[in-house]
PDB file of all heavy atoms in Angstrom:
ATOM      1  N   HIS A   1      91.295 -39.426 -13.809  1.00  0.00           N
ATOM      2  CA  HIS A   1      92.204 -39.639 -12.709  1.00  0.00           C
ATOM      3  C   HIS A   1      91.565 -40.214 -11.477  1.00  0.00           C
ATOM      4  O   HIS A   1      92.185 -40.234 -10.416  1.00  0.00           O
ATOM      5  CB  HIS A   1      92.945 -38.285 -12.368  1.00  0.00           C
ATOM      6  CG  HIS A   1      93.727 -37.750 -13.461  1.00  0.00           C
ATOM      7  ND1 HIS A   1      94.114 -36.411 -13.523  1.00  0.00           N
ATOM      8  CD2 HIS A   1      94.174 -38.318 -14.595  1.00  0.00           C
ATOM      9  CE1 HIS A   1      94.876 -36.163 -14.637  1.00  0.00           C
ATOM     10  NE2 HIS A   1      94.938 -37.367 -15.289  1.00  0.00           N
ATOM     11  N   SER A   2      90.298 -40.609 -11.598  1.00  0.00           N
ATOM     12  CA  SER A   2      89.495 -41.013 -10.405  1.00  0.00           C
ATOM     13  C   SER A   2      89.996 -42.359  -9.768  1.00  0.00           C
ATOM     14  O   SER A   2      89.749 -42.504  -8.621  1.00  0.00           O
ATOM     15  CB  SER A   2      88.024 -41.178 -10.776  1.00  0.00           C
ATOM     16  OG  SER A   2      87.888 -42.181 -11.789  1.00  0.00           O
ATOM     17  N   LEU A   3      90.764 -43.129 -10.528  1.00  0.00           N
ATOM     18  CA  LEU A   3      91.198 -44.441  -9.978  1.00  0.00           C
ATOM     19  C   LEU A   3      92.714 -44.546  -9.884  1.00  0.00           C
ATOM     20  O   LEU A   3      93.234 -45.674  -9.869  1.00  0.00           O
ATOM     21  CB  LEU A   3      90.641 -45.600 -10.892  1.00  0.00           C
ATOM     22  CG  LEU A   3      89.146 -45.772 -10.797  1.00  0.00           C
ATOM     23  CD1 LEU A   3      88.708 -46.905 -11.736  1.00  0.00           C
ATOM     24  CD2 LEU A   3      88.639 -46.178  -9.356  1.00  0.00           C
ATOM     25  N   LEU A   4      93.439 -43.443  -9.847  1.00  0.00           N
ATOM     26  CA  LEU A   4      94.856 -43.473  -9.684  1.00  0.00           C
ATOM     27  C   LEU A   4      95.223 -43.779  -8.269  1.00  0.00           C
ATOM     28  O   LEU A   4      94.568 -43.332  -7.334  1.00  0.00           O
ATOM     29  CB  LEU A   4      95.474 -42.103 -10.090  1.00  0.00           C
ATOM     30  CG  LEU A   4      95.370 -41.698 -11.549  1.00  0.00           C
ATOM     31  CD1 LEU A   4      96.033 -40.330 -11.749  1.00  0.00           C
ATOM     32  CD2 LEU A   4      96.032 -42.744 -12.441  1.00  0.00           C
ATOM     33  N   VAL A   5      96.254 -44.633  -8.136  1.00  0.00           N
ATOM     34  CA  VAL A   5      96.693 -45.043  -6.804  1.00  0.00           C
ATOM     35  C   VAL A   5      97.529 -44.055  -6.078  1.00  0.00           C
ATOM     36  O   VAL A   5      97.378 -43.756  -4.909  1.00  0.00           O
ATOM     37  CB  VAL A   5      97.404 -46.405  -6.939  1.00  0.00           C
ATOM     38  CG1 VAL A   5      97.902 -46.888  -5.557  1.00  0.00           C
ATOM     39  CG2 VAL A   5      96.567 -47.452  -7.570  1.00  0.00           C
ATOM     40  N   TYR A   6      98.542 -43.463  -6.791  1.00  0.00           N
ATOM     41  CA  TYR A   6      99.565 -42.599  -6.137  1.00  0.00           C
ATOM     42  C   TYR A   6      98.958 -41.446  -5.347  1.00  0.00           C
ATOM     43  O   TYR A   6      99.438 -41.232  -4.246  1.00  0.00           O
ATOM     44  CB  TYR A   6     100.499 -42.009  -7.267  1.00  0.00           C
ATOM     45  CG  TYR A   6     101.709 -41.246  -6.805  1.00  0.00           C
ATOM     46  CD1 TYR A   6     102.880 -41.962  -6.433  1.00  0.00           C
ATOM     47  CD2 TYR A   6     101.639 -39.945  -6.677  1.00  0.00           C
ATOM     48  CE1 TYR A   6     103.975 -41.272  -5.953  1.00  0.00           C
ATOM     49  CE2 TYR A   6     102.775 -39.167  -6.189  1.00  0.00           C
ATOM     50  CZ  TYR A   6     103.927 -39.875  -5.836  1.00  0.00           C
ATOM     51  OH  TYR A   6     104.987 -39.228  -5.389  1.00  0.00           O
ATOM     52  N   PRO A   7      97.940 -40.730  -5.826  1.00  0.00           N
ATOM     53  CA  PRO A   7      97.380 -39.600  -5.077  1.00  0.00           C
ATOM     54  C   PRO A   7      96.725 -40.031  -3.712  1.00  0.00           C
ATOM     55  O   PRO A   7      96.543 -39.198  -2.893  1.00  0.00           O
ATOM     56  CB  PRO A   7      96.388 -38.991  -6.027  1.00  0.00           C
ATOM     57  CG  PRO A   7      96.740 -39.436  -7.375  1.00  0.00           C
ATOM     58  CD  PRO A   7      97.334 -40.826  -7.170  1.00  0.00           C
ATOM     59  N   THR A   8      96.368 -41.278  -3.618  1.00  0.00           N
ATOM     60  CA  THR A   8      95.731 -41.790  -2.383  1.00  0.00           C
ATOM     61  C   THR A   8      96.707 -41.963  -1.257  1.00  0.00           C
ATOM     62  O   THR A   8      96.360 -42.211  -0.140  1.00  0.00           O
ATOM     63  CB  THR A   8      94.908 -43.002  -2.617  1.00  0.00           C
ATOM     64  OG1 THR A   8      95.774 -44.090  -2.940  1.00  0.00           O
ATOM     65  CG2 THR A   8      93.905 -42.781  -3.760  1.00  0.00           C
ATOM     66  N   LEU A   9      97.986 -42.051  -1.539  1.00  0.00           N
ATOM     67  CA  LEU A   9      99.015 -42.308  -0.520  1.00  0.00           C
ATOM     68  C   LEU A   9      99.491 -41.091   0.198  1.00  0.00           C
ATOM     69  O   LEU A   9      99.288 -39.979  -0.249  1.00  0.00           O
ATOM     70  CB  LEU A   9     100.267 -43.000  -1.225  1.00  0.00           C
ATOM     71  CG  LEU A   9     100.046 -44.217  -2.111  1.00  0.00           C
ATOM     72  CD1 LEU A   9     101.325 -44.611  -2.787  1.00  0.00           C
ATOM     73  CD2 LEU A   9      99.456 -45.319  -1.293  1.00  0.00           C
ATOM     74  N   SER A  10      99.970 -41.398   1.428  1.00  0.00           N
ATOM     75  CA  SER A  10     100.532 -40.251   2.226  1.00  0.00           C
ATOM     76  C   SER A  10     101.796 -39.756   1.598  1.00  0.00           C
ATOM     77  O   SER A  10     102.417 -40.497   0.733  1.00  0.00           O
ATOM     78  CB  SER A  10     100.793 -40.807   3.649  1.00  0.00           C
ATOM     79  OG  SER A  10     101.761 -41.778   3.682  1.00  0.00           O
ATOM     80  N   GLU A  11     102.330 -38.687   2.038  1.00  0.00           N
ATOM     81  CA  GLU A  11     103.488 -38.096   1.484  1.00  0.00           C
ATOM     82  C   GLU A  11     104.719 -39.018   1.739  1.00  0.00           C
ATOM     83  O   GLU A  11     105.595 -39.206   0.913  1.00  0.00           O
ATOM     84  CB  GLU A  11     103.835 -36.735   2.054  1.00  0.00           C
ATOM     85  CG  GLU A  11     102.901 -35.620   1.650  1.00  0.00           C
ATOM     86  CD  GLU A  11     103.232 -34.270   2.185  1.00  0.00           C
ATOM     87  OE1 GLU A  11     104.247 -34.210   2.858  1.00  0.00           O
ATOM     88  OE2 GLU A  11     102.533 -33.287   1.994  1.00  0.00           O
ATOM     89  N   LYS A  12     104.711 -39.637   2.884  1.00  0.00           N
ATOM     90  CA  LYS A  12     105.795 -40.595   3.260  1.00  0.00           C
ATOM     91  C   LYS A  12     105.813 -41.728   2.315  1.00  0.00           C
ATOM     92  O   LYS A  12     106.856 -42.148   1.758  1.00  0.00           O
ATOM     93  CB  LYS A  12     105.622 -41.062   4.665  1.00  0.00           C
ATOM     94  CG  LYS A  12     106.655 -42.154   5.088  1.00  0.00           C
ATOM     95  CD  LYS A  12     106.386 -42.559   6.562  1.00  0.00           C
ATOM     96  CE  LYS A  12     107.333 -43.633   6.983  1.00  0.00           C
ATOM     97  NZ  LYS A  12     107.077 -44.948   6.195  1.00  0.00           N
ATOM     98  N   LEU A  13     104.667 -42.363   2.059  1.00  0.00           N
ATOM     99  CA  LEU A  13     104.635 -43.473   1.107  1.00  0.00           C
ATOM    100  C   LEU A  13     104.846 -43.060  -0.316  1.00  0.00           C
ATOM    101  O   LEU A  13     105.405 -43.853  -1.098  1.00  0.00           O
ATOM    102  CB  LEU A  13     103.232 -44.175   1.279  1.00  0.00           C
ATOM    103  CG  LEU A  13     102.967 -44.852   2.629  1.00  0.00           C
ATOM    104  CD1 LEU A  13     101.542 -45.478   2.661  1.00  0.00           C
ATOM    105  CD2 LEU A  13     103.969 -45.917   2.971  1.00  0.00           C
ATOM    106  N   GLN A  14     104.422 -41.883  -0.671  1.00  0.00           N
ATOM    107  CA  GLN A  14     104.728 -41.384  -2.032  1.00  0.00           C
ATOM    108  C   GLN A  14     106.304 -41.313  -2.189  1.00  0.00           C
ATOM    109  O   GLN A  14     106.827 -41.649  -3.285  1.00  0.00           O
ATOM    110  CB  GLN A  14     104.107 -40.035  -2.206  1.00  0.00           C
ATOM    111  CG  GLN A  14     102.617 -40.152  -2.427  1.00  0.00           C
ATOM    112  CD  GLN A  14     101.969 -38.776  -2.697  1.00  0.00           C
ATOM    113  OE1 GLN A  14     102.599 -37.746  -2.591  1.00  0.00           O
ATOM    114  NE2 GLN A  14     100.721 -38.775  -3.081  1.00  0.00           N
ATOM    115  N   ARG A  15     107.046 -40.847  -1.198  1.00  0.00           N
ATOM    116  CA  ARG A  15     108.475 -40.717  -1.287  1.00  0.00           C
ATOM    117  C   ARG A  15     109.104 -42.128  -1.432  1.00  0.00           C
ATOM    118  O   ARG A  15     110.041 -42.301  -2.193  1.00  0.00           O
ATOM    119  CB  ARG A  15     109.040 -39.992  -0.015  1.00  0.00           C
ATOM    120  CG  ARG A  15     108.790 -38.506   0.000  1.00  0.00           C
ATOM    121  CD  ARG A  15     109.647 -37.862   0.990  1.00  0.00           C
ATOM    122  NE  ARG A  15     109.416 -38.349   2.366  1.00  0.00           N
ATOM    123  CZ  ARG A  15     108.531 -37.796   3.196  1.00  0.00           C
ATOM    124  NH1 ARG A  15     107.797 -36.761   2.856  1.00  0.00           N
ATOM    125  NH2 ARG A  15     108.350 -38.346   4.366  1.00  0.00           N
ATOM    126  N   GLU A  16     108.579 -43.095  -0.634  1.00  0.00           N
ATOM    127  CA  GLU A  16     109.083 -44.467  -0.762  1.00  0.00           C
ATOM    128  C   GLU A  16     108.860 -45.015  -2.121  1.00  0.00           C
ATOM    129  O   GLU A  16     109.689 -45.720  -2.677  1.00  0.00           O
ATOM    130  CB  GLU A  16     108.418 -45.364   0.290  1.00  0.00           C
ATOM    131  CG  GLU A  16     108.756 -44.982   1.795  1.00  0.00           C
ATOM    132  CD  GLU A  16     108.095 -45.919   2.812  1.00  0.00           C
ATOM    133  OE1 GLU A  16     107.542 -46.970   2.303  1.00  0.00           O
ATOM    134  OE2 GLU A  16     108.219 -45.633   3.966  1.00  0.00           O
ATOM    135  N   TRP A  17     107.717 -44.673  -2.734  1.00  0.00           N
ATOM    136  CA  TRP A  17     107.439 -45.176  -4.105  1.00  0.00           C
ATOM    137  C   TRP A  17     108.417 -44.468  -5.122  1.00  0.00           C
ATOM    138  O   TRP A  17     108.951 -45.153  -5.965  1.00  0.00           O
ATOM    139  CB  TRP A  17     105.982 -44.887  -4.475  1.00  0.00           C
ATOM    140  CG  TRP A  17     105.533 -45.614  -5.668  1.00  0.00           C
ATOM    141  CD1 TRP A  17     106.279 -46.286  -6.569  1.00  0.00           C
ATOM    142  CD2 TRP A  17     104.199 -45.768  -6.166  1.00  0.00           C
ATOM    143  NE1 TRP A  17     105.546 -46.837  -7.570  1.00  0.00           N
ATOM    144  CE2 TRP A  17     104.231 -46.519  -7.367  1.00  0.00           C
ATOM    145  CE3 TRP A  17     102.984 -45.371  -5.699  1.00  0.00           C
ATOM    146  CZ2 TRP A  17     103.155 -46.909  -8.066  1.00  0.00           C
ATOM    147  CZ3 TRP A  17     101.798 -45.707  -6.437  1.00  0.00           C
ATOM    148  CH2 TRP A  17     101.851 -46.467  -7.595  1.00  0.00           C
ATOM    149  N   ASP A  18     108.679 -43.233  -4.875  1.00  0.00           N
ATOM    150  CA  ASP A  18     109.560 -42.481  -5.781  1.00  0.00           C
ATOM    151  C   ASP A  18     110.961 -43.105  -5.701  1.00  0.00           C
ATOM    152  O   ASP A  18     111.688 -43.237  -6.731  1.00  0.00           O
ATOM    153  CB  ASP A  18     109.623 -41.020  -5.404  1.00  0.00           C
ATOM    154  CG  ASP A  18     108.342 -40.256  -5.719  1.00  0.00           C
ATOM    155  OD1 ASP A  18     107.544 -40.796  -6.464  1.00  0.00           O
ATOM    156  OD2 ASP A  18     108.062 -39.206  -5.053  1.00  0.00           O
ATOM    157  N   GLU A  19     111.412 -43.434  -4.457  1.00  0.00           N
ATOM    158  CA  GLU A  19     112.706 -43.993  -4.262  1.00  0.00           C
ATOM    159  C   GLU A  19     112.825 -45.395  -4.948  1.00  0.00           C
ATOM    160  O   GLU A  19     113.819 -45.784  -5.535  1.00  0.00           O
ATOM    161  CB  GLU A  19     113.007 -44.138  -2.784  1.00  0.00           C
ATOM    162  CG  GLU A  19     113.202 -42.762  -2.115  1.00  0.00           C
ATOM    163  CD  GLU A  19     113.307 -42.881  -0.587  1.00  0.00           C
ATOM    164  OE1 GLU A  19     113.197 -44.031  -0.099  1.00  0.00           O
ATOM    165  OE2 GLU A  19     113.483 -41.850   0.064  1.00  0.00           O
ATOM    166  N   ALA A  20     111.701 -46.175  -4.835  1.00  0.00           N
ATOM    167  CA  ALA A  20     111.648 -47.479  -5.476  1.00  0.00           C
ATOM    168  C   ALA A  20     111.767 -47.410  -6.970  1.00  0.00           C
ATOM    169  O   ALA A  20     112.403 -48.158  -7.592  1.00  0.00           O
ATOM    170  CB  ALA A  20     110.372 -48.254  -5.044  1.00  0.00           C
ATOM    171  N   GLU A  21     111.012 -46.402  -7.482  1.00  0.00           N
ATOM    172  CA  GLU A  21     111.071 -46.181  -8.976  1.00  0.00           C
ATOM    173  C   GLU A  21     112.452 -45.830  -9.410  1.00  0.00           C
ATOM    174  O   GLU A  21     112.946 -46.282 -10.434  1.00  0.00           O
ATOM    175  CB  GLU A  21     110.031 -45.058  -9.339  1.00  0.00           C
ATOM    176  CG  GLU A  21     108.631 -45.429  -9.240  1.00  0.00           C
ATOM    177  CD  GLU A  21     108.137 -46.257 -10.416  1.00  0.00           C
ATOM    178  OE1 GLU A  21     108.988 -46.429 -11.362  1.00  0.00           O
ATOM    179  OE2 GLU A  21     107.066 -46.799 -10.332  1.00  0.00           O
ATOM    180  N   GLN A  22     113.132 -44.917  -8.652  1.00  0.00           N
ATOM    181  CA  GLN A  22     114.495 -44.537  -9.038  1.00  0.00           C
ATOM    182  C   GLN A  22     115.428 -45.688  -8.931  1.00  0.00           C
ATOM    183  O   GLN A  22     116.346 -45.862  -9.814  1.00  0.00           O
ATOM    184  CB  GLN A  22     114.923 -43.365  -8.045  1.00  0.00           C
ATOM    185  CG  GLN A  22     116.320 -42.749  -8.434  1.00  0.00           C
ATOM    186  CD  GLN A  22     116.270 -42.102  -9.779  1.00  0.00           C
ATOM    187  OE1 GLN A  22     115.216 -41.581 -10.156  1.00  0.00           O
ATOM    188  NE2 GLN A  22     117.423 -41.983 -10.451  1.00  0.00           N
ATOM    189  N   ALA A  23     115.325 -46.479  -7.865  1.00  0.00           N
ATOM    190  CA  ALA A  23     116.182 -47.680  -7.761  1.00  0.00           C
ATOM    191  C   ALA A  23     115.998 -48.681  -8.842  1.00  0.00           C
ATOM    192  O   ALA A  23     116.950 -49.297  -9.382  1.00  0.00           O
ATOM    193  CB  ALA A  23     115.995 -48.316  -6.385  1.00  0.00           C
ATOM    194  N   ARG A  24     114.745 -48.784  -9.305  1.00  0.00           N
ATOM    195  CA  ARG A  24     114.474 -49.729 -10.387  1.00  0.00           C
ATOM    196  C   ARG A  24     115.048 -49.126 -11.737  1.00  0.00           C
ATOM    197  O   ARG A  24     115.570 -49.886 -12.524  1.00  0.00           O
ATOM    198  CB  ARG A  24     112.963 -49.945 -10.521  1.00  0.00           C
ATOM    199  CG  ARG A  24     112.514 -50.781 -11.715  1.00  0.00           C
ATOM    200  CD  ARG A  24     113.161 -52.152 -11.616  1.00  0.00           C
ATOM    201  NE  ARG A  24     112.771 -53.024 -12.722  1.00  0.00           N
ATOM    202  CZ  ARG A  24     113.579 -53.996 -13.222  1.00  0.00           C
ATOM    203  NH1 ARG A  24     114.648 -54.269 -12.668  1.00  0.00           N
ATOM    204  NH2 ARG A  24     113.116 -54.672 -14.201  1.00  0.00           N
ATOM    205  N   TYR A  25     114.893 -47.872 -11.966  1.00  0.00           N
ATOM    206  CA  TYR A  25     115.400 -47.185 -13.079  1.00  0.00           C
ATOM    207  C   TYR A  25     116.931 -47.308 -13.228  1.00  0.00           C
ATOM    208  O   TYR A  25     117.441 -47.508 -14.344  1.00  0.00           O
ATOM    209  CB  TYR A  25     115.013 -45.651 -13.098  1.00  0.00           C
ATOM    210  CG  TYR A  25     115.535 -44.878 -14.252  1.00  0.00           C
ATOM    211  CD1 TYR A  25     115.024 -44.985 -15.515  1.00  0.00           C
ATOM    212  CD2 TYR A  25     116.637 -44.050 -14.053  1.00  0.00           C
ATOM    213  CE1 TYR A  25     115.533 -44.292 -16.548  1.00  0.00           C
ATOM    214  CE2 TYR A  25     117.192 -43.347 -15.125  1.00  0.00           C
ATOM    215  CZ  TYR A  25     116.578 -43.406 -16.382  1.00  0.00           C
ATOM    216  OH  TYR A  25     117.117 -42.722 -17.414  1.00  0.00           O
ATOM    217  N   GLU A  26     117.617 -47.245 -12.008  1.00  0.00           N
ATOM    218  CA  GLU A  26     119.071 -47.366 -12.043  1.00  0.00           C
ATOM    219  C   GLU A  26     119.529 -48.850 -11.998  1.00  0.00           C
ATOM    220  O   GLU A  26     120.712 -49.139 -11.747  1.00  0.00           O
ATOM    221  CB  GLU A  26     119.659 -46.533 -10.887  1.00  0.00           C
ATOM    222  CG  GLU A  26     119.361 -45.076 -11.059  1.00  0.00           C
ATOM    223  CD  GLU A  26     119.821 -44.290  -9.826  1.00  0.00           C
ATOM    224  OE1 GLU A  26     120.387 -44.954  -8.897  1.00  0.00           O
ATOM    225  OE2 GLU A  26     119.713 -43.065  -9.748  1.00  0.00           O
ATOM    226  N   ASP A  27     118.624 -49.772 -12.080  1.00  0.00           N
ATOM    227  CA  ASP A  27     118.889 -51.230 -12.016  1.00  0.00           C
ATOM    228  C   ASP A  27     119.565 -51.588 -10.690  1.00  0.00           C
ATOM    229  O   ASP A  27     120.341 -52.528 -10.681  1.00  0.00           O
ATOM    230  CB  ASP A  27     119.843 -51.631 -13.147  1.00  0.00           C
ATOM    231  CG  ASP A  27     119.087 -51.681 -14.502  1.00  0.00           C
ATOM    232  OD1 ASP A  27     117.851 -51.922 -14.458  1.00  0.00           O
ATOM    233  OD2 ASP A  27     119.691 -51.452 -15.566  1.00  0.00           O
ATOM    234  N   LEU A  28     119.228 -50.902  -9.636  1.00  0.00           N
ATOM    235  CA  LEU A  28     119.744 -51.205  -8.332  1.00  0.00           C
ATOM    236  C   LEU A  28     118.991 -52.348  -7.652  1.00  0.00           C
ATOM    237  O   LEU A  28     119.497 -52.959  -6.750  1.00  0.00           O
ATOM    238  CB  LEU A  28     119.720 -49.942  -7.371  1.00  0.00           C
ATOM    239  CG  LEU A  28     120.556 -48.805  -7.882  1.00  0.00           C
ATOM    240  CD1 LEU A  28     120.387 -47.593  -6.863  1.00  0.00           C
ATOM    241  CD2 LEU A  28     121.995 -49.166  -7.998  1.00  0.00           C
ATOM    242  N   ILE A  29     117.701 -52.560  -8.150  1.00  0.00           N
ATOM    243  CA  ILE A  29     116.879 -53.679  -7.645  1.00  0.00           C
ATOM    244  C   ILE A  29     116.240 -54.403  -8.847  1.00  0.00           C
ATOM    245  O   ILE A  29     116.122 -53.852  -9.932  1.00  0.00           O
ATOM    246  CB  ILE A  29     115.800 -53.165  -6.719  1.00  0.00           C
ATOM    247  CG1 ILE A  29     114.927 -52.071  -7.357  1.00  0.00           C
ATOM    248  CG2 ILE A  29     116.377 -52.578  -5.387  1.00  0.00           C
ATOM    249  CD1 ILE A  29     113.764 -51.630  -6.573  1.00  0.00           C
ATOM    250  N   THR A  30     115.880 -55.623  -8.600  1.00  0.00           N
ATOM    251  CA  THR A  30     115.248 -56.409  -9.659  1.00  0.00           C
ATOM    252  C   THR A  30     113.801 -56.099  -9.767  1.00  0.00           C
ATOM    253  O   THR A  30     113.202 -55.399  -8.841  1.00  0.00           O
ATOM    254  CB  THR A  30     115.395 -57.931  -9.391  1.00  0.00           C
ATOM    255  OG1 THR A  30     114.742 -58.237  -8.146  1.00  0.00           O
ATOM    256  CG2 THR A  30     116.885 -58.323  -9.254  1.00  0.00           C
TER     257      THR A  30
END
């Protein structure tokens, strides 16, 4: 896990990534 990107982000940016993942999963964004 030494080169994972997600753990290096702040909580705010992690939430933004989670929201982007959800939007992509629901086909709300390309």
